[in-house]
Amino acid sequence: LGGLGMRLFGFDVHAGELPPSSEELATLWRPYIETCIEAFGPARAMFESNFPVDKGSGSYQLFWNAFKRIAAGCSPDEKTALFSGTARRFYRLD
C-alpha cells in the first residue's frame, strides 16, 4: 500500500478541564499506533505532529513524550525508523 497515510487525531482531549499528560495520551493512542506499526512495520511508519494546529490540546513536548512512551518497548533500530528514518526516506532528506 504505497503512499498510504494515516493520521490519528486528538480524541477530544482539548475538551477536558486540564490538559492531558503524556501518559494519558500514550494510553489513548497506543492501541491505534501499535496496530499500525504491527500492520506496516516501523520501516513504513513514522511519528509526526500536527503542531501548532493541535496547540489547543497540549504542548509540542507533550505529544513527543507520548510517542516516546509508546515506543519504549521498541528496539533502537525501530525507534530510529519511527522517529526519523522513515521520514528521511519518505521525504528524500538523505
PDB file of N, CA and C in Angstrom:
ATOM      1  N   LEU A   1       0.838  -1.184   0.000  1.00  0.00           N
ATOM      2  CA  LEU A   1       0.000   0.000   0.000  1.00  0.00           C
ATOM      3  C   LEU A   1       0.876   1.239   0.000  1.00  0.00           C
ATOM      4  N   GLY A   2       1.627   1.437  -1.024  1.00  0.00           N
ATOM      5  CA  GLY A   2       2.494   2.599  -1.102  1.00  0.00           C
ATOM      6  C   GLY A   2       1.701   3.887  -1.081  1.00  0.00           C
ATOM      7  N   GLY A   3       2.224   4.878  -0.394  1.00  0.00           N
ATOM      8  CA  GLY A   3       1.589   6.183  -0.349  1.00  0.00           C
ATOM      9  C   GLY A   3       0.436   6.299   0.625  1.00  0.00           C
ATOM     10  N   LEU A   4       0.166   5.275   1.382  1.00  0.00           N
ATOM     11  CA  LEU A   4      -0.929   5.333   2.340  1.00  0.00           C
ATOM     12  C   LEU A   4      -0.527   6.192   3.522  1.00  0.00           C
ATOM     13  N   GLY A   5      -1.350   7.134   3.858  1.00  0.00           N
ATOM     14  CA  GLY A   5      -1.108   7.956   5.040  1.00  0.00           C
ATOM     15  C   GLY A   5      -2.257   7.779   6.011  1.00  0.00           C
ATOM     16  N   MET A   6      -1.945   7.668   7.273  1.00  0.00           N
ATOM     17  CA  MET A   6      -2.987   7.507   8.281  1.00  0.00           C
ATOM     18  C   MET A   6      -2.695   8.458   9.418  1.00  0.00           C
ATOM     19  N   ARG A   7      -3.647   9.290   9.713  1.00  0.00           N
ATOM     20  CA  ARG A   7      -3.455  10.255  10.782  1.00  0.00           C
ATOM     21  C   ARG A   7      -4.386   9.917  11.936  1.00  0.00           C
ATOM     22  N   LEU A   8      -3.867  10.099  13.121  1.00  0.00           N
ATOM     23  CA  LEU A   8      -4.676   9.941  14.320  1.00  0.00           C
ATOM     24  C   LEU A   8      -4.932  11.324  14.884  1.00  0.00           C
ATOM     25  N   PHE A   9      -6.137  11.565  15.328  1.00  0.00           N
ATOM     26  CA  PHE A   9      -6.490  12.884  15.813  1.00  0.00           C
ATOM     27  C   PHE A   9      -6.601  12.898  17.326  1.00  0.00           C
ATOM     28  N   GLY A  10      -6.963  14.039  17.884  1.00  0.00           N
ATOM     29  CA  GLY A  10      -6.838  14.311  19.303  1.00  0.00           C
ATOM     30  C   GLY A  10      -7.789  13.628  20.264  1.00  0.00           C
ATOM     31  N   PHE A  11      -8.749  12.861  19.806  1.00  0.00           N
ATOM     32  CA  PHE A  11      -9.671  12.165  20.706  1.00  0.00           C
ATOM     33  C   PHE A  11     -10.359  13.130  21.669  1.00  0.00           C
ATOM     34  N   ASP A  12     -10.583  14.373  21.258  1.00  0.00           N
ATOM     35  CA  ASP A  12     -11.254  15.399  22.067  1.00  0.00           C
ATOM     36  C   ASP A  12     -10.569  15.677  23.393  1.00  0.00           C
ATOM     37  N   VAL A  13      -9.262  15.510  23.457  1.00  0.00           N
ATOM     38  CA  VAL A  13      -8.560  15.788  24.712  1.00  0.00           C
ATOM     39  C   VAL A  13      -8.608  17.267  25.056  1.00  0.00           C
ATOM     40  N   HIS A  14      -8.865  18.127  24.065  1.00  0.00           N
ATOM     41  CA  HIS A  14      -8.968  19.563  24.318  1.00  0.00           C
ATOM     42  C   HIS A  14     -10.215  19.917  25.125  1.00  0.00           C
ATOM     43  N   ALA A  15     -11.175  18.999  25.207  1.00  0.00           N
ATOM     44  CA  ALA A  15     -12.432  19.262  25.896  1.00  0.00           C
ATOM     45  C   ALA A  15     -12.330  19.109  27.412  1.00  0.00           C
ATOM     46  N   GLY A  16     -11.252  18.539  27.906  1.00  0.00           N
ATOM     47  CA  GLY A  16     -11.101  18.335  29.344  1.00  0.00           C
ATOM     48  C   GLY A  16     -10.770  19.619  30.083  1.00  0.00           C
ATOM     49  N   GLU A  17     -10.959  19.601  31.394  1.00  0.00           N
ATOM     50  CA  GLU A  17     -10.645  20.774  32.213  1.00  0.00           C
ATOM     51  C   GLU A  17      -9.154  21.050  32.234  1.00  0.00           C
ATOM     52  N   LEU A  18      -8.357  19.994  32.290  1.00  0.00           N
ATOM     53  CA  LEU A  18      -6.903  20.122  32.319  1.00  0.00           C
ATOM     54  C   LEU A  18      -6.315  19.466  31.079  1.00  0.00           C
ATOM     55  N   PRO A  19      -5.163  19.947  30.630  1.00  0.00           N
ATOM     56  CA  PRO A  19      -4.511  19.258  29.511  1.00  0.00           C
ATOM     57  C   PRO A  19      -4.149  17.828  29.918  1.00  0.00           C
ATOM     58  N   PRO A  20      -4.151  16.904  28.974  1.00  0.00           N
ATOM     59  CA  PRO A  20      -3.785  15.525  29.307  1.00  0.00           C
ATOM     60  C   PRO A  20      -2.291  15.422  29.587  1.00  0.00           C
ATOM     61  N   SER A  21      -1.907  14.378  30.274  1.00  0.00           N
ATOM     62  CA  SER A  21      -0.482  14.093  30.478  1.00  0.00           C
ATOM     63  C   SER A  21      -0.002  13.244  29.299  1.00  0.00           C
ATOM     64  N   SER A  22       1.306  13.151  29.140  1.00  0.00           N
ATOM     65  CA  SER A  22       1.833  12.292  28.069  1.00  0.00           C
ATOM     66  C   SER A  22       1.456  10.835  28.326  1.00  0.00           C
ATOM     67  N   GLU A  23       1.346  10.465  29.591  1.00  0.00           N
ATOM     68  CA  GLU A  23       0.937   9.099  29.934  1.00  0.00           C
ATOM     69  C   GLU A  23      -0.506   8.840  29.485  1.00  0.00           C
ATOM     70  N   GLU A  24      -1.397   9.822  29.708  1.00  0.00           N
ATOM     71  CA  GLU A  24      -2.792   9.667  29.280  1.00  0.00           C
ATOM     72  C   GLU A  24      -2.898   9.578  27.756  1.00  0.00           C
ATOM     73  N   LEU A  25      -2.158  10.442  27.061  1.00  0.00           N
ATOM     74  CA  LEU A  25      -2.179  10.385  25.595  1.00  0.00           C
ATOM     75  C   LEU A  25      -1.649   9.052  25.090  1.00  0.00           C
ATOM     76  N   ALA A  26      -0.552   8.592  25.675  1.00  0.00           N
ATOM     77  CA  ALA A  26       0.018   7.308  25.258  1.00  0.00           C
ATOM     78  C   ALA A  26      -0.999   6.187  25.452  1.00  0.00           C
ATOM     79  N   THR A  27      -1.723   6.221  26.547  1.00  0.00           N
ATOM     80  CA  THR A  27      -2.746   5.205  26.809  1.00  0.00           C
ATOM     81  C   THR A  27      -3.855   5.267  25.760  1.00  0.00           C
ATOM     82  N   LEU A  28      -4.282   6.475  25.386  1.00  0.00           N
ATOM     83  CA  LEU A  28      -5.327   6.631  24.371  1.00  0.00           C
ATOM     84  C   LEU A  28      -4.853   6.199  22.985  1.00  0.00           C
ATOM     85  N   TRP A  29      -3.652   6.606  22.624  1.00  0.00           N
ATOM     86  CA  TRP A  29      -3.141   6.381  21.268  1.00  0.00           C
ATOM     87  C   TRP A  29      -2.537   5.006  21.047  1.00  0.00           C
ATOM     88  N   ARG A  30      -1.995   4.390  22.108  1.00  0.00           N
ATOM     89  CA  ARG A  30      -1.222   3.146  21.963  1.00  0.00           C
ATOM     90  C   ARG A  30      -1.923   2.068  21.125  1.00  0.00           C
ATOM     91  N   PRO A  31      -3.181   1.725  21.383  1.00  0.00           N
ATOM     92  CA  PRO A  31      -3.778   0.631  20.604  1.00  0.00           C
ATOM     93  C   PRO A  31      -3.801   0.918  19.097  1.00  0.00           C
ATOM     94  N   TYR A  32      -4.021   2.153  18.722  1.00  0.00           N
ATOM     95  CA  TYR A  32      -4.086   2.519  17.306  1.00  0.00           C
ATOM     96  C   TYR A  32      -2.695   2.539  16.675  1.00  0.00           C
ATOM     97  N   ILE A  33      -1.754   3.166  17.375  1.00  0.00           N
ATOM     98  CA  ILE A  33      -0.396   3.278  16.844  1.00  0.00           C
ATOM     99  C   ILE A  33       0.271   1.909  16.770  1.00  0.00           C
ATOM    100  N   GLU A  34       0.140   1.110  17.819  1.00  0.00           N
ATOM    101  CA  GLU A  34       0.755  -0.221  17.795  1.00  0.00           C
ATOM    102  C   GLU A  34       0.157  -1.095  16.698  1.00  0.00           C
ATOM    103  N   THR A  35      -1.144  -0.977  16.462  1.00  0.00           N
ATOM    104  CA  THR A  35      -1.781  -1.739  15.387  1.00  0.00           C
ATOM    105  C   THR A  35      -1.200  -1.340  14.033  1.00  0.00           C
ATOM    106  N   CYS A  36      -1.012  -0.046  13.817  1.00  0.00           N
ATOM    107  CA  CYS A  36      -0.426   0.430  12.550  1.00  0.00           C
ATOM    108  C   CYS A  36       1.005  -0.062  12.387  1.00  0.00           C
ATOM    109  N   ILE A  37       1.791   0.026  13.458  1.00  0.00           N
ATOM    110  CA  ILE A  37       3.185  -0.415  13.385  1.00  0.00           C
ATOM    111  C   ILE A  37       3.254  -1.919  13.128  1.00  0.00           C
ATOM    112  N   GLU A  38       2.388  -2.690  13.790  1.00  0.00           N
ATOM    113  CA  GLU A  38       2.366  -4.138  13.569  1.00  0.00           C
ATOM    114  C   GLU A  38       1.940  -4.471  12.141  1.00  0.00           C
ATOM    115  N   ALA A  39       0.996  -3.717  11.601  1.00  0.00           N
ATOM    116  CA  ALA A  39       0.487  -3.997  10.255  1.00  0.00           C
ATOM    117  C   ALA A  39       1.479  -3.613   9.160  1.00  0.00           C
ATOM    118  N   PHE A  40       2.154  -2.483   9.325  1.00  0.00           N
ATOM    119  CA  PHE A  40       3.011  -1.964   8.261  1.00  0.00           C
ATOM    120  C   PHE A  40       4.497  -2.048   8.564  1.00  0.00           C
ATOM    121  N   GLY A  41       4.856  -2.202   9.835  1.00  0.00           N
ATOM    122  CA  GLY A  41       6.258  -2.260  10.235  1.00  0.00           C
ATOM    123  C   GLY A  41       6.843  -0.874  10.435  1.00  0.00           C
ATOM    124  N   PRO A  42       7.861  -0.765  11.290  1.00  0.00           N
ATOM    125  CA  PRO A  42       8.481   0.532  11.567  1.00  0.00           C
ATOM    126  C   PRO A  42       9.093   1.187  10.331  1.00  0.00           C
ATOM    127  N   ALA A  43       9.504   0.401   9.350  1.00  0.00           N
ATOM    128  CA  ALA A  43      10.103   0.965   8.137  1.00  0.00           C
ATOM    129  C   ALA A  43       9.077   1.701   7.274  1.00  0.00           C
ATOM    130  N   ARG A  44       7.778   1.510   7.594  1.00  0.00           N
ATOM    131  CA  ARG A  44       6.719   2.189   6.834  1.00  0.00           C
ATOM    132  C   ARG A  44       5.814   3.000   7.746  1.00  0.00           C
ATOM    133  N   ALA A  45       6.328   3.348   8.919  1.00  0.00           N
ATOM    134  CA  ALA A  45       5.555   4.147   9.874  1.00  0.00           C
ATOM    135  C   ALA A  45       6.449   5.253  10.416  1.00  0.00           C
ATOM    136  N   MET A  46       5.828   6.353  10.820  1.00  0.00           N
ATOM    137  CA  MET A  46       6.606   7.436  11.420  1.00  0.00           C
ATOM    138  C   MET A  46       5.733   8.200  12.402  1.00  0.00           C
ATOM    139  N   PHE A  47       6.379   8.716  13.425  1.00  0.00           N
ATOM    140  CA  PHE A  47       5.698   9.613  14.345  1.00  0.00           C
ATOM    141  C   PHE A  47       5.778  11.016  13.754  1.00  0.00           C
ATOM    142  N   GLU A  48       4.695  11.758  13.882  1.00  0.00           N
ATOM    143  CA  GLU A  48       4.656  13.136  13.419  1.00  0.00           C
ATOM    144  C   GLU A  48       3.667  13.895  14.286  1.00  0.00           C
ATOM    145  N   SER A  49       3.752  15.213  14.211  1.00  0.00           N
ATOM    146  CA  SER A  49       2.800  16.013  14.973  1.00  0.00           C
ATOM    147  C   SER A  49       2.028  16.919  14.030  1.00  0.00           C
ATOM    148  N   ASN A  50       0.947  17.442  14.516  1.00  0.00           N
ATOM    149  CA  ASN A  50       0.142  18.409  13.790  1.00  0.00           C
ATOM    150  C   ASN A  50       0.282  19.771  14.472  1.00  0.00           C
ATOM    151  N   PHE A  51       1.445  19.989  15.035  1.00  0.00           N
ATOM    152  CA  PHE A  51       1.703  21.218  15.767  1.00  0.00           C
ATOM    153  C   PHE A  51       2.077  22.310  14.771  1.00  0.00           C
ATOM    154  N   PRO A  52       1.598  23.523  14.892  1.00  0.00           N
ATOM    155  CA  PRO A  52       0.914  24.147  16.023  1.00  0.00           C
ATOM    156  C   PRO A  52      -0.605  24.037  16.001  1.00  0.00           C
ATOM    157  N   VAL A  53      -1.179  23.389  14.987  1.00  0.00           N
ATOM    158  CA  VAL A  53      -2.639  23.277  14.923  1.00  0.00           C
ATOM    159  C   VAL A  53      -3.202  22.655  16.198  1.00  0.00           C
ATOM    160  N   ASP A  54      -2.536  21.651  16.743  1.00  0.00           N
ATOM    161  CA  ASP A  54      -3.016  20.967  17.946  1.00  0.00           C
ATOM    162  C   ASP A  54      -2.590  21.644  19.243  1.00  0.00           C
ATOM    163  N   LYS A  55      -2.107  22.868  19.158  1.00  0.00           N
ATOM    164  CA  LYS A  55      -1.625  23.570  20.351  1.00  0.00           C
ATOM    165  C   LYS A  55      -2.708  23.683  21.429  1.00  0.00           C
ATOM    166  N   GLY A  56      -3.974  23.737  21.030  1.00  0.00           N
ATOM    167  CA  GLY A  56      -5.063  23.816  21.996  1.00  0.00           C
ATOM    168  C   GLY A  56      -5.239  22.553  22.817  1.00  0.00           C
ATOM    169  N   SER A  57      -4.668  21.448  22.361  1.00  0.00           N
ATOM    170  CA  SER A  57      -4.791  20.170  23.065  1.00  0.00           C
ATOM    171  C   SER A  57      -3.601  19.850  23.945  1.00  0.00           C
ATOM    172  N   GLY A  58      -2.487  20.556  23.746  1.00  0.00           N
ATOM    173  CA  GLY A  58      -1.291  20.278  24.535  1.00  0.00           C
ATOM    174  C   GLY A  58      -0.058  20.852  23.870  1.00  0.00           C
ATOM    175  N   SER A  59       1.052  20.687  24.531  1.00  0.00           N
ATOM    176  CA  SER A  59       2.316  21.236  24.034  1.00  0.00           C
ATOM    177  C   SER A  59       3.004  20.266  23.071  1.00  0.00           C
ATOM    178  N   TYR A  60       3.940  20.809  22.328  1.00  0.00           N
ATOM    179  CA  TYR A  60       4.753  20.004  21.415  1.00  0.00           C
ATOM    180  C   TYR A  60       5.470  18.900  22.189  1.00  0.00           C
ATOM    181  N   GLN A  61       6.052  19.260  23.334  1.00  0.00           N
ATOM    182  CA  GLN A  61       6.761  18.285  24.170  1.00  0.00           C
ATOM    183  C   GLN A  61       5.823  17.175  24.643  1.00  0.00           C
ATOM    184  N   LEU A  62       4.598  17.542  24.984  1.00  0.00           N
ATOM    185  CA  LEU A  62       3.612  16.565  25.447  1.00  0.00           C
ATOM    186  C   LEU A  62       3.398  15.471  24.404  1.00  0.00           C
ATOM    187  N   PHE A  63       3.192  15.881  23.150  1.00  0.00           N
ATOM    188  CA  PHE A  63       2.929  14.902  22.097  1.00  0.00           C
ATOM    189  C   PHE A  63       4.126  13.989  21.870  1.00  0.00           C
ATOM    190  N   TRP A  64       5.329  14.571  21.827  1.00  0.00           N
ATOM    191  CA  TRP A  64       6.519  13.752  21.583  1.00  0.00           C
ATOM    192  C   TRP A  64       6.843  12.855  22.770  1.00  0.00           C
ATOM    193  N   ASN A  65       6.562  13.317  23.978  1.00  0.00           N
ATOM    194  CA  ASN A  65       6.760  12.444  25.142  1.00  0.00           C
ATOM    195  C   ASN A  65       5.786  11.270  25.105  1.00  0.00           C
ATOM    196  N   ALA A  66       4.565  11.497  24.617  1.00  0.00           N
ATOM    197  CA  ALA A  66       3.610  10.388  24.465  1.00  0.00           C
ATOM    198  C   ALA A  66       4.142   9.374  23.449  1.00  0.00           C
ATOM    199  N   PHE A  67       4.704   9.860  22.333  1.00  0.00           N
ATOM    200  CA  PHE A  67       5.289   8.953  21.344  1.00  0.00           C
ATOM    201  C   PHE A  67       6.439   8.154  21.951  1.00  0.00           C
ATOM    202  N   LYS A  68       7.265   8.812  22.758  1.00  0.00           N
ATOM    203  CA  LYS A  68       8.386   8.111  23.408  1.00  0.00           C
ATOM    204  C   LYS A  68       7.878   7.005  24.319  1.00  0.00           C
ATOM    205  N   ARG A  69       6.796   7.274  25.040  1.00  0.00           N
ATOM    206  CA  ARG A  69       6.214   6.245  25.920  1.00  0.00           C
ATOM    207  C   ARG A  69       5.716   5.056  25.092  1.00  0.00           C
ATOM    208  N   ILE A  70       5.072   5.342  23.978  1.00  0.00           N
ATOM    209  CA  ILE A  70       4.544   4.276  23.126  1.00  0.00           C
ATOM    210  C   ILE A  70       5.674   3.441  22.540  1.00  0.00           C
ATOM    211  N   ALA A  71       6.779   4.086  22.192  1.00  0.00           N
ATOM    212  CA  ALA A  71       7.908   3.392  21.561  1.00  0.00           C
ATOM    213  C   ALA A  71       8.881   2.789  22.561  1.00  0.00           C
ATOM    214  N   ALA A  72       8.601   2.881  23.841  1.00  0.00           N
ATOM    215  CA  ALA A  72       9.546   2.420  24.872  1.00  0.00           C
ATOM    216  C   ALA A  72       9.971   0.967  24.679  1.00  0.00           C
ATOM    217  N   GLY A  73       9.098   0.123  24.197  1.00  0.00           N
ATOM    218  CA  GLY A  73       9.426  -1.291  24.025  1.00  0.00           C
ATOM    219  C   GLY A  73      10.048  -1.637  22.681  1.00  0.00           C
ATOM    220  N   CYS A  74      10.243  -0.647  21.840  1.00  0.00           N
ATOM    221  CA  CYS A  74      10.826  -0.887  20.511  1.00  0.00           C
ATOM    222  C   CYS A  74      12.342  -1.007  20.597  1.00  0.00           C
ATOM    223  N   SER A  75      12.920  -1.681  19.635  1.00  0.00           N
ATOM    224  CA  SER A  75      14.378  -1.789  19.553  1.00  0.00           C
ATOM    225  C   SER A  75      14.953  -0.439  19.118  1.00  0.00           C
ATOM    226  N   PRO A  76      16.261  -0.230  19.312  1.00  0.00           N
ATOM    227  CA  PRO A  76      16.879   1.019  18.839  1.00  0.00           C
ATOM    228  C   PRO A  76      16.654   1.260  17.341  1.00  0.00           C
ATOM    229  N   ASP A  77      16.750   0.219  16.522  1.00  0.00           N
ATOM    230  CA  ASP A  77      16.522   0.379  15.081  1.00  0.00           C
ATOM    231  C   ASP A  77      15.071   0.764  14.779  1.00  0.00           C
ATOM    232  N   GLU A  78      14.132   0.168  15.503  1.00  0.00           N
ATOM    233  CA  GLU A  78      12.721   0.511  15.309  1.00  0.00           C
ATOM    234  C   GLU A  78      12.461   1.958  15.717  1.00  0.00           C
ATOM    235  N   LYS A  79      13.055   2.385  16.834  1.00  0.00           N
ATOM    236  CA  LYS A  79      12.891   3.777  17.274  1.00  0.00           C
ATOM    237  C   LYS A  79      13.460   4.743  16.249  1.00  0.00           C
ATOM    238  N   THR A  80      14.629   4.421  15.701  1.00  0.00           N
ATOM    239  CA  THR A  80      15.226   5.285  14.676  1.00  0.00           C
ATOM    240  C   THR A  80      14.290   5.415  13.482  1.00  0.00           C
ATOM    241  N   ALA A  81      13.713   4.305  13.050  1.00  0.00           N
ATOM    242  CA  ALA A  81      12.774   4.342  11.922  1.00  0.00           C
ATOM    243  C   ALA A  81      11.562   5.205  12.257  1.00  0.00           C
ATOM    244  N   LEU A  82      10.968   4.983  13.414  1.00  0.00           N
ATOM    245  CA  LEU A  82       9.741   5.686  13.781  1.00  0.00           C
ATOM    246  C   LEU A  82       9.946   7.179  14.002  1.00  0.00           C
ATOM    247  N   PHE A  83      11.074   7.548  14.601  1.00  0.00           N
ATOM    248  CA  PHE A  83      11.300   8.951  14.944  1.00  0.00           C
ATOM    249  C   PHE A  83      12.018   9.745  13.854  1.00  0.00           C
ATOM    250  N   SER A  84      12.704   9.074  12.919  1.00  0.00           N
ATOM    251  CA  SER A  84      13.412   9.857  11.897  1.00  0.00           C
ATOM    252  C   SER A  84      13.659   9.108  10.590  1.00  0.00           C
ATOM    253  N   GLY A  85      14.015   7.854  10.650  1.00  0.00           N
ATOM    254  CA  GLY A  85      14.449   7.126   9.459  1.00  0.00           C
ATOM    255  C   GLY A  85      13.411   7.039   8.359  1.00  0.00           C
ATOM    256  N   THR A  86      12.191   6.680   8.703  1.00  0.00           N
ATOM    257  CA  THR A  86      11.135   6.571   7.700  1.00  0.00           C
ATOM    258  C   THR A  86      10.865   7.931   7.065  1.00  0.00           C
ATOM    259  N   ALA A  87      10.819   8.970   7.878  1.00  0.00           N
ATOM    260  CA  ALA A  87      10.583  10.321   7.348  1.00  0.00           C
ATOM    261  C   ALA A  87      11.712  10.752   6.421  1.00  0.00           C
ATOM    262  N   ARG A  88      12.950  10.452   6.803  1.00  0.00           N
ATOM    263  CA  ARG A  88      14.089  10.813   5.944  1.00  0.00           C
ATOM    264  C   ARG A  88      13.963  10.151   4.571  1.00  0.00           C
ATOM    265  N   ARG A  89      13.601   8.881   4.570  1.00  0.00           N
ATOM    266  CA  ARG A  89      13.448   8.178   3.292  1.00  0.00           C
ATOM    267  C   ARG A  89      12.244   8.706   2.511  1.00  0.00           C
ATOM    268  N   PHE A  90      11.115   8.831   3.181  1.00  0.00           N
ATOM    269  CA  PHE A  90       9.874   9.240   2.517  1.00  0.00           C
ATOM    270  C   PHE A  90      10.003  10.629   1.895  1.00  0.00           C
ATOM    271  N   TYR A  91      10.594  11.558   2.646  1.00  0.00           N
ATOM    272  CA  TYR A  91      10.736  12.934   2.163  1.00  0.00           C
ATOM    273  C   TYR A  91      12.056  13.174   1.432  1.00  0.00           C
ATOM    274  N   ARG A  92      12.817  12.092   1.231  1.00  0.00           N
ATOM    275  CA  ARG A  92      14.097  12.145   0.498  1.00  0.00           C
ATOM    276  C   ARG A  92      15.032  13.209   1.072  1.00  0.00           C
ATOM    277  N   LEU A  93      15.251  13.125   2.380  1.00  0.00           N
ATOM    278  CA  LEU A  93      16.098  14.097   3.069  1.00  0.00           C
ATOM    279  C   LEU A  93      17.555  13.678   3.129  1.00  0.00           C
ATOM    280  N   ASP A  94      17.858  12.451   2.768  1.00  0.00           N
ATOM    281  CA  ASP A  94      19.252  11.988   2.798  1.00  0.00           C
ATOM    282  C   ASP A  94      19.954  12.290   1.496  1.00  0.00           C
TER     283      ASP A  94
END
